[in-house]
Amino acid sequence: MSDEEDISGPPPSARGRRQSVCAEPFNPNAVEDEDTPKVVNPKTDEQRTRLQNALKRLFLFKRLDMEQTSEVMDAMFERKVTAEEKVIEQGDDGDNFYVIDGGKFDIFVNEKNVGSYNEEGSFGELALMYNTPRAASIVATTDATIWGLDRATFRRIMLVAAFKKRKMYEEFLETVPIFSSLERYERMTLADGLYSEKFSDGATIITQGEEADKFYLVERGEVSIKMQKDDDVKEVAHLQKGGYFGELALVTKKERAASAYAVGDVTLACLDVGAFERLLGPCMDIMKRNFTNYEEQLVKIFGTSLNLTDVRT
């Protein structure tokens, strides 16, 4: 069955291949002001649960707030595909963005297999973001289930959210001293990698001794950093907006040296370990120099050093 044939989901006008169009620059204000009706494809509770689980695994959706996520879920439609079915054809115009809910797919560029998806992932966003032809073909290698999101909804919600998120985080990063040495394009790239997480008063953000997976910046609220040595637990830092934590374990490749707790309701900008290592190279020397300050503070508080500055290169 080709992607031109009937599938459950949006009306034929939203599924059929569009005529070729020219690439267009993204104007977030124009998209946001479009008076387009919201698309709603009814789902059972079981379908909605599966879709929610599939979206949780995707970084692309971490930039959305609850209302935007709900609207995206309402608009998405389920599609069953069979083994050897071509879901996307290289060179075609993009009509839908797809999220994998199960099954395996191969990626072909100029008929050469360049990769695959195994049970999870997403594809099709680039053609919608930049209004260019599909850059690759996607072929199912097993029977599979995917969720589709039409082009208009994708652009109206996902791109506007991305634009607003980048602008917000760029402005925020400009206020953080450690990032003052970054070029503007470096701050833009860093802003694209950040996403927000919220914690209620008293919530544990990180736990001393656990494996490190994120770097944190305080957007709103306050964070208490506490360290335990033997049976002694003391606060070693109290952070407010612009403060950051979690870098020590990521740089040293060690376990978390302290725990972090929310003081009041807190919003944090988070950066996953892979993005941290890729994007914060220019700031790494500054972070390593700060480790000496950490050691001096701990000597004052506990009366002894914890050898935090044993940094692996």
C-alpha atoms as a PDB file:
ATOM      1  CA  MET A   1       0.000   0.000   0.000  1.00  0.00           C
ATOM      2  CA  SER A   2       1.464   3.386  -0.917  1.00  0.00           C
ATOM      3  CA  ASP A   3       1.062   6.580   1.062  1.00  0.00           C
ATOM      4  CA  GLU A   4      -1.443   7.703  -1.578  1.00  0.00           C
ATOM      5  CA  GLU A   5      -3.915   5.006  -0.569  1.00  0.00           C
ATOM      6  CA  ASP A   6      -6.569   5.316   2.071  1.00  0.00           C
ATOM      7  CA  ILE A   7      -5.521   5.290   5.712  1.00  0.00           C
ATOM      8  CA  SER A   8      -7.345   6.151   8.888  1.00  0.00           C
ATOM      9  CA  GLY A   9      -6.694   9.732   9.862  1.00  0.00           C
ATOM     10  CA  PRO A  10      -7.042  13.123   8.221  1.00  0.00           C
ATOM     11  CA  PRO A  11      -9.155  13.819   5.123  1.00  0.00           C
ATOM     12  CA  PRO A  12      -7.702  13.048   1.680  1.00  0.00           C
ATOM     13  CA  SER A  13      -6.714  16.676   1.131  1.00  0.00           C
ATOM     14  CA  ALA A  14      -4.333  16.423   4.086  1.00  0.00           C
ATOM     15  CA  ARG A  15      -2.908  13.087   2.938  1.00  0.00           C
ATOM     16  CA  GLY A  16      -2.441  13.455  -0.774  1.00  0.00           C
ATOM     17  CA  ARG A  17       0.856  14.682  -2.161  1.00  0.00           C
ATOM     18  CA  ARG A  18       0.966  18.435  -2.630  1.00  0.00           C
ATOM     19  CA  GLN A  19       2.218  20.112  -5.735  1.00  0.00           C
ATOM     20  CA  SER A  20       5.832  21.248  -5.587  1.00  0.00           C
ATOM     21  CA  VAL A  21       6.395  24.457  -3.659  1.00  0.00           C
ATOM     22  CA  CYS A  22       9.381  26.715  -3.194  1.00  0.00           C
ATOM     23  CA  ALA A  23      11.333  26.799   0.023  1.00  0.00           C
ATOM     24  CA  GLU A  24      10.146  29.581   2.274  1.00  0.00           C
ATOM     25  CA  PRO A  25      11.718  31.304   5.262  1.00  0.00           C
ATOM     26  CA  PHE A  26      10.015  30.652   8.561  1.00  0.00           C
ATOM     27  CA  ASN A  27       8.073  33.654   9.848  1.00  0.00           C
ATOM     28  CA  PRO A  28       6.853  32.758  13.343  1.00  0.00           C
ATOM     29  CA  ASN A  29       4.560  35.766  13.572  1.00  0.00           C
ATOM     30  CA  ALA A  30       2.807  34.878  10.316  1.00  0.00           C
ATOM     31  CA  VAL A  31       2.321  31.264  11.371  1.00  0.00           C
ATOM     32  CA  GLU A  32       1.101  32.232  14.801  1.00  0.00           C
ATOM     33  CA  ASP A  33      -1.458  34.658  13.364  1.00  0.00           C
ATOM     34  CA  GLU A  34      -2.923  32.179  10.899  1.00  0.00           C
ATOM     35  CA  ASP A  35      -6.610  31.658  11.655  1.00  0.00           C
ATOM     36  CA  THR A  36      -6.552  27.937  10.927  1.00  0.00           C
ATOM     37  CA  PRO A  37      -9.011  25.612  12.650  1.00  0.00           C
ATOM     38  CA  LYS A  38      -7.611  23.132  15.133  1.00  0.00           C
ATOM     39  CA  VAL A  39      -7.462  19.556  13.870  1.00  0.00           C
ATOM     40  CA  VAL A  40      -8.937  16.892  16.139  1.00  0.00           C
ATOM     41  CA  ASN A  41      -8.714  13.171  15.376  1.00  0.00           C
ATOM     42  CA  PRO A  42     -10.681  11.204  18.031  1.00  0.00           C
ATOM     43  CA  LYS A  43      -8.761   8.539  19.949  1.00  0.00           C
ATOM     44  CA  THR A  44      -9.562   5.823  22.430  1.00  0.00           C
ATOM     45  CA  ASP A  45      -7.959   5.921  25.867  1.00  0.00           C
ATOM     46  CA  GLU A  46      -5.662   3.096  24.777  1.00  0.00           C
ATOM     47  CA  GLN A  47      -4.532   4.998  21.675  1.00  0.00           C
ATOM     48  CA  ARG A  48      -3.924   8.188  23.640  1.00  0.00           C
ATOM     49  CA  THR A  49      -1.819   6.321  26.200  1.00  0.00           C
ATOM     50  CA  ARG A  50       0.317   4.748  23.469  1.00  0.00           C
ATOM     51  CA  LEU A  51       0.774   8.113  21.755  1.00  0.00           C
ATOM     52  CA  GLN A  52       1.709   9.801  25.015  1.00  0.00           C
ATOM     53  CA  ASN A  53       4.353   7.159  25.701  1.00  0.00           C
ATOM     54  CA  ALA A  54       5.772   7.532  22.189  1.00  0.00           C
ATOM     55  CA  LEU A  55       6.042  11.320  22.514  1.00  0.00           C
ATOM     56  CA  LYS A  56       7.777  11.137  25.901  1.00  0.00           C
ATOM     57  CA  ARG A  57      10.823   9.599  24.241  1.00  0.00           C
ATOM     58  CA  LEU A  58      11.283  12.467  21.774  1.00  0.00           C
ATOM     59  CA  PHE A  59      13.400  15.520  22.516  1.00  0.00           C
ATOM     60  CA  LEU A  60      11.412  17.549  19.985  1.00  0.00           C
ATOM     61  CA  PHE A  61       8.378  17.588  22.290  1.00  0.00           C
ATOM     62  CA  LYS A  62      10.212  18.698  25.434  1.00  0.00           C
ATOM     63  CA  ARG A  63       9.937  22.303  24.267  1.00  0.00           C
ATOM     64  CA  LEU A  64       6.117  22.226  24.338  1.00  0.00           C
ATOM     65  CA  ASP A  65       3.956  23.264  27.267  1.00  0.00           C
ATOM     66  CA  MET A  66       1.016  21.144  28.423  1.00  0.00           C
ATOM     67  CA  GLU A  67      -1.546  22.968  26.259  1.00  0.00           C
ATOM     68  CA  GLN A  68       0.587  22.652  23.126  1.00  0.00           C
ATOM     69  CA  THR A  69       1.272  18.974  23.807  1.00  0.00           C
ATOM     70  CA  SER A  70      -2.448  18.313  24.227  1.00  0.00           C
ATOM     71  CA  GLU A  71      -3.234  20.090  20.945  1.00  0.00           C
ATOM     72  CA  VAL A  72      -0.571  18.085  19.110  1.00  0.00           C
ATOM     73  CA  MET A  73      -1.938  14.836  20.531  1.00  0.00           C
ATOM     74  CA  ASP A  74      -5.464  15.797  19.478  1.00  0.00           C
ATOM     75  CA  ALA A  75      -4.308  16.474  15.918  1.00  0.00           C
ATOM     76  CA  MET A  76      -2.223  13.335  15.410  1.00  0.00           C
ATOM     77  CA  PHE A  77      -3.685  10.355  13.575  1.00  0.00           C
ATOM     78  CA  GLU A  78      -2.775   6.673  13.767  1.00  0.00           C
ATOM     79  CA  ARG A  79      -1.536   4.857  10.686  1.00  0.00           C
ATOM     80  CA  LYS A  80      -0.816   1.150  10.313  1.00  0.00           C
ATOM     81  CA  VAL A  81       1.878   0.226   7.811  1.00  0.00           C
ATOM     82  CA  THR A  82       3.002  -3.124   6.453  1.00  0.00           C
ATOM     83  CA  ALA A  83       6.457  -4.546   5.843  1.00  0.00           C
ATOM     84  CA  GLU A  84       8.141  -3.099   2.706  1.00  0.00           C
ATOM     85  CA  GLU A  85       5.709  -0.167   2.600  1.00  0.00           C
ATOM     86  CA  LYS A  86       7.339   3.123   1.645  1.00  0.00           C
ATOM     87  CA  VAL A  87       6.105   5.757   4.089  1.00  0.00           C
ATOM     88  CA  ILE A  88       8.124   8.665   2.688  1.00  0.00           C
ATOM     89  CA  GLU A  89       9.610   9.015  -0.793  1.00  0.00           C
ATOM     90  CA  GLN A  90      12.791  11.027  -1.288  1.00  0.00           C
ATOM     91  CA  GLY A  91      12.091  14.119  -3.396  1.00  0.00           C
ATOM     92  CA  ASP A  92       8.379  14.352  -2.523  1.00  0.00           C
ATOM     93  CA  ASP A  93       6.927  17.360  -0.762  1.00  0.00           C
ATOM     94  CA  GLY A  94       6.326  16.906   2.947  1.00  0.00           C
ATOM     95  CA  ASP A  95       2.763  16.720   4.211  1.00  0.00           C
ATOM     96  CA  ASN A  96       3.134  14.931   7.549  1.00  0.00           C
ATOM     97  CA  PHE A  97       5.536  14.472  10.430  1.00  0.00           C
ATOM     98  CA  TYR A  98       5.640  10.927  11.851  1.00  0.00           C
ATOM     99  CA  VAL A  99       6.289   9.377  15.267  1.00  0.00           C
ATOM    100  CA  ILE A 100       7.007   5.653  15.548  1.00  0.00           C
ATOM    101  CA  ASP A 101       4.808   3.688  17.939  1.00  0.00           C
ATOM    102  CA  GLY A 102       6.274   0.294  17.055  1.00  0.00           C
ATOM    103  CA  GLY A 103       8.043  -1.464  14.215  1.00  0.00           C
ATOM    104  CA  LYS A 104      11.271  -1.096  12.259  1.00  0.00           C
ATOM    105  CA  PHE A 105      12.164   1.189   9.360  1.00  0.00           C
ATOM    106  CA  ASP A 106      15.118   1.673   7.015  1.00  0.00           C
ATOM    107  CA  ILE A 107      16.350   5.064   5.798  1.00  0.00           C
ATOM    108  CA  PHE A 108      17.447   5.394   2.161  1.00  0.00           C
ATOM    109  CA  VAL A 109      19.228   8.305   0.492  1.00  0.00           C
ATOM    110  CA  ASN A 110      19.651   7.914  -3.274  1.00  0.00           C
ATOM    111  CA  GLU A 111      18.646   4.251  -2.809  1.00  0.00           C
ATOM    112  CA  LYS A 112      21.509   3.662  -0.351  1.00  0.00           C
ATOM    113  CA  ASN A 113      20.629   2.417   3.142  1.00  0.00           C
ATOM    114  CA  VAL A 114      22.054   4.996   5.539  1.00  0.00           C
ATOM    115  CA  GLY A 115      20.363   4.034   8.798  1.00  0.00           C
ATOM    116  CA  SER A 116      17.345   2.601  10.535  1.00  0.00           C
ATOM    117  CA  TYR A 117      14.742   3.101  13.275  1.00  0.00           C
ATOM    118  CA  ASN A 118      14.036   0.342  15.774  1.00  0.00           C
ATOM    119  CA  GLU A 119      10.678   0.558  17.570  1.00  0.00           C
ATOM    120  CA  GLU A 120      10.962   4.297  18.349  1.00  0.00           C
ATOM    121  CA  GLY A 121      11.921   7.671  16.916  1.00  0.00           C
ATOM    122  CA  SER A 122      10.441  10.212  14.517  1.00  0.00           C
ATOM    123  CA  PHE A 123      10.977  11.378  10.962  1.00  0.00           C
ATOM    124  CA  GLY A 124       9.742  13.858   8.386  1.00  0.00           C
ATOM    125  CA  GLU A 125      10.228  17.113  10.276  1.00  0.00           C
ATOM    126  CA  LEU A 126      12.918  18.713   8.089  1.00  0.00           C
ATOM    127  CA  ALA A 127      10.765  18.986   4.972  1.00  0.00           C
ATOM    128  CA  LEU A 128       8.027  20.617   7.040  1.00  0.00           C
ATOM    129  CA  MET A 129      10.349  22.986   8.886  1.00  0.00           C
ATOM    130  CA  TYR A 130      12.050  24.282   5.753  1.00  0.00           C
ATOM    131  CA  ASN A 131       9.362  23.508   3.166  1.00  0.00           C
ATOM    132  CA  THR A 132      11.816  21.541   1.060  1.00  0.00           C
ATOM    133  CA  PRO A 133      11.495  18.111  -0.640  1.00  0.00           C
ATOM    134  CA  ARG A 134      11.961  14.955   1.406  1.00  0.00           C
ATOM    135  CA  ALA A 135      15.684  14.331   1.915  1.00  0.00           C
ATOM    136  CA  ALA A 136      15.324  10.558   2.295  1.00  0.00           C
ATOM    137  CA  SER A 137      12.973   7.646   1.780  1.00  0.00           C
ATOM    138  CA  ILE A 138      11.598   5.746   4.778  1.00  0.00           C
ATOM    139  CA  VAL A 139      10.619   2.100   4.253  1.00  0.00           C
ATOM    140  CA  ALA A 140       9.021  -0.184   6.845  1.00  0.00           C
ATOM    141  CA  THR A 141      10.889  -3.453   7.312  1.00  0.00           C
ATOM    142  CA  THR A 142       8.183  -4.911   9.577  1.00  0.00           C
ATOM    143  CA  ASP A 143       4.509  -4.300  10.154  1.00  0.00           C
ATOM    144  CA  ALA A 144       4.417  -1.098  12.178  1.00  0.00           C
ATOM    145  CA  THR A 145       2.329   1.649  13.719  1.00  0.00           C
ATOM    146  CA  ILE A 146       3.069   5.335  13.308  1.00  0.00           C
ATOM    147  CA  TRP A 147       1.380   8.575  14.331  1.00  0.00           C
ATOM    148  CA  GLY A 148       1.130  11.406  11.816  1.00  0.00           C
ATOM    149  CA  LEU A 149       0.860  15.164  12.321  1.00  0.00           C
ATOM    150  CA  ASP A 150      -0.226  17.348   9.407  1.00  0.00           C
ATOM    151  CA  ARG A 151       2.056  20.060   8.059  1.00  0.00           C
ATOM    152  CA  ALA A 152      -0.092  23.048   9.074  1.00  0.00           C
ATOM    153  CA  THR A 153      -0.407  21.948  12.711  1.00  0.00           C
ATOM    154  CA  PHE A 154       3.279  21.035  12.906  1.00  0.00           C
ATOM    155  CA  ARG A 155       4.368  24.446  11.665  1.00  0.00           C
ATOM    156  CA  ARG A 156       1.858  26.386  13.736  1.00  0.00           C
ATOM    157  CA  ILE A 157       2.725  24.689  17.027  1.00  0.00           C
ATOM    158  CA  MET A 158       6.159  23.098  16.788  1.00  0.00           C
ATOM    159  CA  LEU A 159       7.987  25.869  14.933  1.00  0.00           C
ATOM    160  CA  VAL A 160       6.445  28.721  16.874  1.00  0.00           C
ATOM    161  CA  ALA A 161       7.301  26.893  20.111  1.00  0.00           C
ATOM    162  CA  ALA A 162      10.877  26.374  18.924  1.00  0.00           C
ATOM    163  CA  PHE A 163      11.233  30.054  17.960  1.00  0.00           C
ATOM    164  CA  LYS A 164       9.845  31.292  21.295  1.00  0.00           C
ATOM    165  CA  LYS A 165      11.965  28.800  23.248  1.00  0.00           C
ATOM    166  CA  ARG A 166      15.181  29.853  21.499  1.00  0.00           C
ATOM    167  CA  LYS A 167      14.430  33.545  22.036  1.00  0.00           C
ATOM    168  CA  MET A 168      13.597  33.009  25.717  1.00  0.00           C
ATOM    169  CA  TYR A 169      16.711  30.945  26.409  1.00  0.00           C
ATOM    170  CA  GLU A 170      18.992  33.267  24.432  1.00  0.00           C
ATOM    171  CA  GLU A 171      17.877  36.170  26.622  1.00  0.00           C
ATOM    172  CA  PHE A 172      18.273  34.023  29.737  1.00  0.00           C
ATOM    173  CA  LEU A 173      21.767  32.791  28.788  1.00  0.00           C
ATOM    174  CA  GLU A 174      22.923  36.380  28.282  1.00  0.00           C
ATOM    175  CA  THR A 175      22.349  36.932  32.015  1.00  0.00           C
ATOM    176  CA  VAL A 176      24.463  33.934  33.088  1.00  0.00           C
ATOM    177  CA  PRO A 177      28.103  35.021  33.600  1.00  0.00           C
ATOM    178  CA  ILE A 178      29.654  31.685  32.625  1.00  0.00           C
ATOM    179  CA  PHE A 179      28.161  32.002  29.129  1.00  0.00           C
ATOM    180  CA  SER A 180      29.199  35.620  28.562  1.00  0.00           C
ATOM    181  CA  SER A 181      32.231  34.484  26.562  1.00  0.00           C
ATOM    182  CA  LEU A 182      30.112  32.536  24.050  1.00  0.00           C
ATOM    183  CA  GLU A 183      29.494  33.915  20.582  1.00  0.00           C
ATOM    184  CA  ARG A 184      25.855  34.625  19.746  1.00  0.00           C
ATOM    185  CA  TYR A 185      25.596  31.602  17.441  1.00  0.00           C
ATOM    186  CA  GLU A 186      26.988  29.427  20.261  1.00  0.00           C
ATOM    187  CA  ARG A 187      24.312  30.742  22.629  1.00  0.00           C
ATOM    188  CA  MET A 188      21.653  30.082  19.962  1.00  0.00           C
ATOM    189  CA  THR A 189      22.859  26.500  19.588  1.00  0.00           C
ATOM    190  CA  LEU A 190      22.918  26.049  23.350  1.00  0.00           C
ATOM    191  CA  ALA A 191      19.413  27.542  23.613  1.00  0.00           C
ATOM    192  CA  ASP A 192      18.141  24.947  21.130  1.00  0.00           C
ATOM    193  CA  GLY A 193      19.469  22.159  23.352  1.00  0.00           C
ATOM    194  CA  LEU A 194      17.827  23.343  26.571  1.00  0.00           C
ATOM    195  CA  TYR A 195      14.430  22.271  27.858  1.00  0.00           C
ATOM    196  CA  SER A 196      12.479  23.103  31.015  1.00  0.00           C
ATOM    197  CA  GLU A 197      11.645  20.906  33.978  1.00  0.00           C
ATOM    198  CA  LYS A 198       9.543  22.001  36.955  1.00  0.00           C
ATOM    199  CA  PHE A 199       9.847  20.883  40.576  1.00  0.00           C
ATOM    200  CA  SER A 200       7.597  21.594  43.539  1.00  0.00           C
ATOM    201  CA  ASP A 201       8.816  22.786  46.944  1.00  0.00           C
ATOM    202  CA  GLY A 202      11.057  20.212  48.637  1.00  0.00           C
ATOM    203  CA  ALA A 203      11.378  17.956  45.600  1.00  0.00           C
ATOM    204  CA  THR A 204      14.672  16.131  45.068  1.00  0.00           C
ATOM    205  CA  ILE A 205      16.270  17.204  41.788  1.00  0.00           C
ATOM    206  CA  ILE A 206      19.464  15.142  41.964  1.00  0.00           C
ATOM    207  CA  THR A 207      20.723  12.689  44.581  1.00  0.00           C
ATOM    208  CA  GLN A 208      24.283  12.401  45.863  1.00  0.00           C
ATOM    209  CA  GLY A 209      25.918   9.216  44.587  1.00  0.00           C
ATOM    210  CA  GLU A 210      23.707   8.697  41.532  1.00  0.00           C
ATOM    211  CA  GLU A 211      24.924   8.645  37.942  1.00  0.00           C
ATOM    212  CA  ALA A 212      24.928  12.037  36.224  1.00  0.00           C
ATOM    213  CA  ASP A 213      22.800  12.593  33.128  1.00  0.00           C
ATOM    214  CA  LYS A 214      21.994  16.342  33.053  1.00  0.00           C
ATOM    215  CA  PHE A 215      23.291  19.846  33.624  1.00  0.00           C
ATOM    216  CA  TYR A 216      20.936  22.381  35.220  1.00  0.00           C
ATOM    217  CA  LEU A 217      20.405  26.151  35.128  1.00  0.00           C
ATOM    218  CA  VAL A 218      17.992  27.872  37.495  1.00  0.00           C
ATOM    219  CA  GLU A 219      15.326  29.721  35.492  1.00  0.00           C
ATOM    220  CA  ARG A 220      12.973  30.534  38.365  1.00  0.00           C
ATOM    221  CA  GLY A 221      12.982  29.802  42.069  1.00  0.00           C
ATOM    222  CA  GLU A 222      15.792  28.651  44.338  1.00  0.00           C
ATOM    223  CA  VAL A 223      17.780  25.425  44.745  1.00  0.00           C
ATOM    224  CA  SER A 224      19.564  24.144  47.840  1.00  0.00           C
ATOM    225  CA  ILE A 225      22.690  22.041  47.274  1.00  0.00           C
ATOM    226  CA  LYS A 226      23.439  19.711  50.195  1.00  0.00           C
ATOM    227  CA  MET A 227      26.289  17.287  50.723  1.00  0.00           C
ATOM    228  CA  GLN A 228      26.537  14.346  53.109  1.00  0.00           C
ATOM    229  CA  LYS A 229      29.840  13.228  54.595  1.00  0.00           C
ATOM    230  CA  ASP A 230      29.494  10.289  56.959  1.00  0.00           C
ATOM    231  CA  ASP A 231      26.401  11.224  59.004  1.00  0.00           C
ATOM    232  CA  ASP A 232      26.867  14.960  58.546  1.00  0.00           C
ATOM    233  CA  VAL A 233      24.603  16.725  56.009  1.00  0.00           C
ATOM    234  CA  LYS A 234      25.207  20.409  55.290  1.00  0.00           C
ATOM    235  CA  GLU A 235      24.113  22.963  52.710  1.00  0.00           C
ATOM    236  CA  VAL A 236      27.088  23.843  50.502  1.00  0.00           C
ATOM    237  CA  ALA A 237      25.326  26.245  48.117  1.00  0.00           C
ATOM    238  CA  HIS A 238      22.037  28.077  47.683  1.00  0.00           C
ATOM    239  CA  LEU A 239      21.295  28.981  44.071  1.00  0.00           C
ATOM    240  CA  GLN A 240      18.932  31.522  42.523  1.00  0.00           C
ATOM    241  CA  LYS A 241      18.103  32.533  38.934  1.00  0.00           C
ATOM    242  CA  GLY A 242      21.161  32.171  36.711  1.00  0.00           C
ATOM    243  CA  GLY A 243      22.855  29.708  39.037  1.00  0.00           C
ATOM    244  CA  TYR A 244      23.893  26.337  37.664  1.00  0.00           C
ATOM    245  CA  PHE A 245      24.728  22.905  39.012  1.00  0.00           C
ATOM    246  CA  GLY A 246      25.327  19.326  37.929  1.00  0.00           C
ATOM    247  CA  GLU A 247      28.406  20.101  35.838  1.00  0.00           C
ATOM    248  CA  LEU A 248      30.897  18.579  38.289  1.00  0.00           C
ATOM    249  CA  ALA A 249      29.862  14.964  37.751  1.00  0.00           C
ATOM    250  CA  LEU A 250      29.561  15.427  33.995  1.00  0.00           C
ATOM    251  CA  VAL A 251      33.066  16.874  33.673  1.00  0.00           C
ATOM    252  CA  THR A 252      34.781  14.479  36.098  1.00  0.00           C
ATOM    253  CA  LYS A 253      32.795  11.431  34.901  1.00  0.00           C
ATOM    254  CA  LYS A 254      32.051  10.630  38.534  1.00  0.00           C
ATOM    255  CA  GLU A 255      28.864  10.129  40.531  1.00  0.00           C
ATOM    256  CA  ARG A 256      26.928  13.128  41.840  1.00  0.00           C
ATOM    257  CA  ALA A 257      28.925  14.775  44.624  1.00  0.00           C
ATOM    258  CA  ALA A 258      25.879  16.393  46.252  1.00  0.00           C
ATOM    259  CA  SER A 259      22.086  16.425  46.291  1.00  0.00           C
ATOM    260  CA  ALA A 260      19.888  19.271  45.036  1.00  0.00           C
ATOM    261  CA  TYR A 261      16.459  20.227  46.387  1.00  0.00           C
ATOM    262  CA  ALA A 262      13.803  22.673  45.225  1.00  0.00           C
ATOM    263  CA  VAL A 263      13.160  25.605  47.571  1.00  0.00           C
ATOM    264  CA  GLY A 264       9.655  26.690  46.645  1.00  0.00           C
ATOM    265  CA  ASP A 265       8.418  25.995  43.122  1.00  0.00           C
ATOM    266  CA  VAL A 266      11.381  25.810  40.753  1.00  0.00           C
ATOM    267  CA  THR A 267      11.830  25.860  36.974  1.00  0.00           C
ATOM    268  CA  LEU A 268      15.133  24.577  35.611  1.00  0.00           C
ATOM    269  CA  ALA A 269      16.676  24.692  32.158  1.00  0.00           C
ATOM    270  CA  CYS A 270      18.166  21.246  31.504  1.00  0.00           C
ATOM    271  CA  LEU A 271      20.848  20.025  29.142  1.00  0.00           C
ATOM    272  CA  ASP A 272      21.334  16.291  28.584  1.00  0.00           C
ATOM    273  CA  VAL A 273      24.831  14.869  28.975  1.00  0.00           C
ATOM    274  CA  GLY A 274      25.398  14.417  25.227  1.00  0.00           C
ATOM    275  CA  ALA A 275      24.466  18.021  24.461  1.00  0.00           C
ATOM    276  CA  PHE A 276      26.511  19.214  27.456  1.00  0.00           C
ATOM    277  CA  GLU A 277      29.667  17.596  26.113  1.00  0.00           C
ATOM    278  CA  ARG A 278      28.979  18.765  22.570  1.00  0.00           C
ATOM    279  CA  LEU A 279      27.932  22.368  23.245  1.00  0.00           C
ATOM    280  CA  LEU A 280      29.798  23.542  26.322  1.00  0.00           C
ATOM    281  CA  GLY A 281      33.396  22.997  25.197  1.00  0.00           C
ATOM    282  CA  PRO A 282      34.113  26.763  25.244  1.00  0.00           C
ATOM    283  CA  CYS A 283      33.036  26.929  28.919  1.00  0.00           C
ATOM    284  CA  MET A 284      34.818  23.803  30.127  1.00  0.00           C
ATOM    285  CA  ASP A 285      37.998  25.550  31.321  1.00  0.00           C
ATOM    286  CA  ILE A 286      35.937  27.979  33.403  1.00  0.00           C
ATOM    287  CA  MET A 287      34.026  25.090  34.957  1.00  0.00           C
ATOM    288  CA  LYS A 288      37.224  23.229  35.813  1.00  0.00           C
ATOM    289  CA  ARG A 289      38.689  26.353  37.437  1.00  0.00           C
ATOM    290  CA  ASN A 290      35.569  26.574  39.587  1.00  0.00           C
ATOM    291  CA  PHE A 291      36.310  23.138  41.035  1.00  0.00           C
ATOM    292  CA  THR A 292      39.124  24.709  43.090  1.00  0.00           C
ATOM    293  CA  ASN A 293      36.570  27.069  44.619  1.00  0.00           C
ATOM    294  CA  TYR A 294      34.337  24.083  45.427  1.00  0.00           C
ATOM    295  CA  GLU A 295      37.193  22.378  47.233  1.00  0.00           C
ATOM    296  CA  GLU A 296      37.963  25.514  49.289  1.00  0.00           C
ATOM    297  CA  GLN A 297      34.304  25.794  50.307  1.00  0.00           C
ATOM    298  CA  LEU A 298      34.161  22.140  51.381  1.00  0.00           C
ATOM    299  CA  VAL A 299      37.293  22.502  53.502  1.00  0.00           C
ATOM    300  CA  LYS A 300      35.607  25.400  55.326  1.00  0.00           C
ATOM    301  CA  ILE A 301      32.337  23.481  55.779  1.00  0.00           C
ATOM    302  CA  PHE A 302      33.559  19.929  56.513  1.00  0.00           C
ATOM    303  CA  GLY A 303      37.149  20.640  57.495  1.00  0.00           C
ATOM    304  CA  THR A 304      38.477  18.350  54.784  1.00  0.00           C
ATOM    305  CA  SER A 305      38.709  18.093  51.006  1.00  0.00           C
ATOM    306  CA  LEU A 306      36.677  15.528  49.048  1.00  0.00           C
ATOM    307  CA  ASN A 307      39.106  15.454  46.085  1.00  0.00           C
ATOM    308  CA  LEU A 308      36.582  16.871  43.631  1.00  0.00           C
ATOM    309  CA  THR A 309      39.265  18.238  41.339  1.00  0.00           C
ATOM    310  CA  ASP A 310      40.473  14.877  40.069  1.00  0.00           C
ATOM    311  CA  VAL A 311      39.243  15.716  36.566  1.00  0.00           C
ATOM    312  CA  ARG A 312      39.647  13.166  33.796  1.00  0.00           C
ATOM    313  CA  THR A 313      40.687  14.630  30.463  1.00  0.00           C
END
